[in-house]
């Protein structure tokens, strides 16, 4: 029997996605990203100066931090203080790598963009929501920095969006929720740019293996989902010119 999605979506359908911009007061970029029941607050701030390895080069930097609130999941999780879990470190590095692909670091100058992704509610896909919403927050922040005269021109060179895909009972499904993520025998996180070129793919078989044909189908589903996410981003940041 084929897998029946708990929310009634078709295999190739995204969860409802929305971006609530200017969600907080002080960050130049602040977006509550909602993907189904997953909610991630993405904020972007700027600081003068760069890490030591970039000092004197004229280039800027973008880095990311990712955290989950203790009650983001059904069972309360302890806060991470001095020692971050391997999962948290891996996710925030992914967010940073992904969003740097959208930025001309030379145009940024010796400044650092800090992207904070705080998971308020988790129903799977928190890292992909952080990337997709993080880009909207990044675009908003850059727009404000240009209005303030901090930046002479936009360092944005493209868009970045991300989505999850997986195999359930041998079939491909897009944008897994928690029930599906737990049940999936194969799951992937895919990050692409505005040209649908791949920035990063994270994937593994939780059980057994998968075929090249199944991999192709997973990437096809991811591409179609990311196309829709890119459109949603464009609608949110319409006034800002990219590239």
Foldseek 3Di string as FASTA:
>chain_A
DDDQDPVRDDQLDWADWDWDWPPDPDALFWIFIDGHQWTKIKGKHKFAAAPPVCPPVFFAAEFEFEFEQQPQDVHGDDGDDPDDDPVRVVLRVVLRLQLVVFFDRNQLTRMYMYMYIYIDHAFPPSSQSSNLNNQLRVLSSQVVCCVVVVGVDGRGAWHKGKWKWFAAPRAIGTHDTNVCVVRGQKMKMWMAIPVRDTSDIDIDGNDDDHDPVRVVVNSVSGSVVVNVSVVNSCVSNVVDDGD
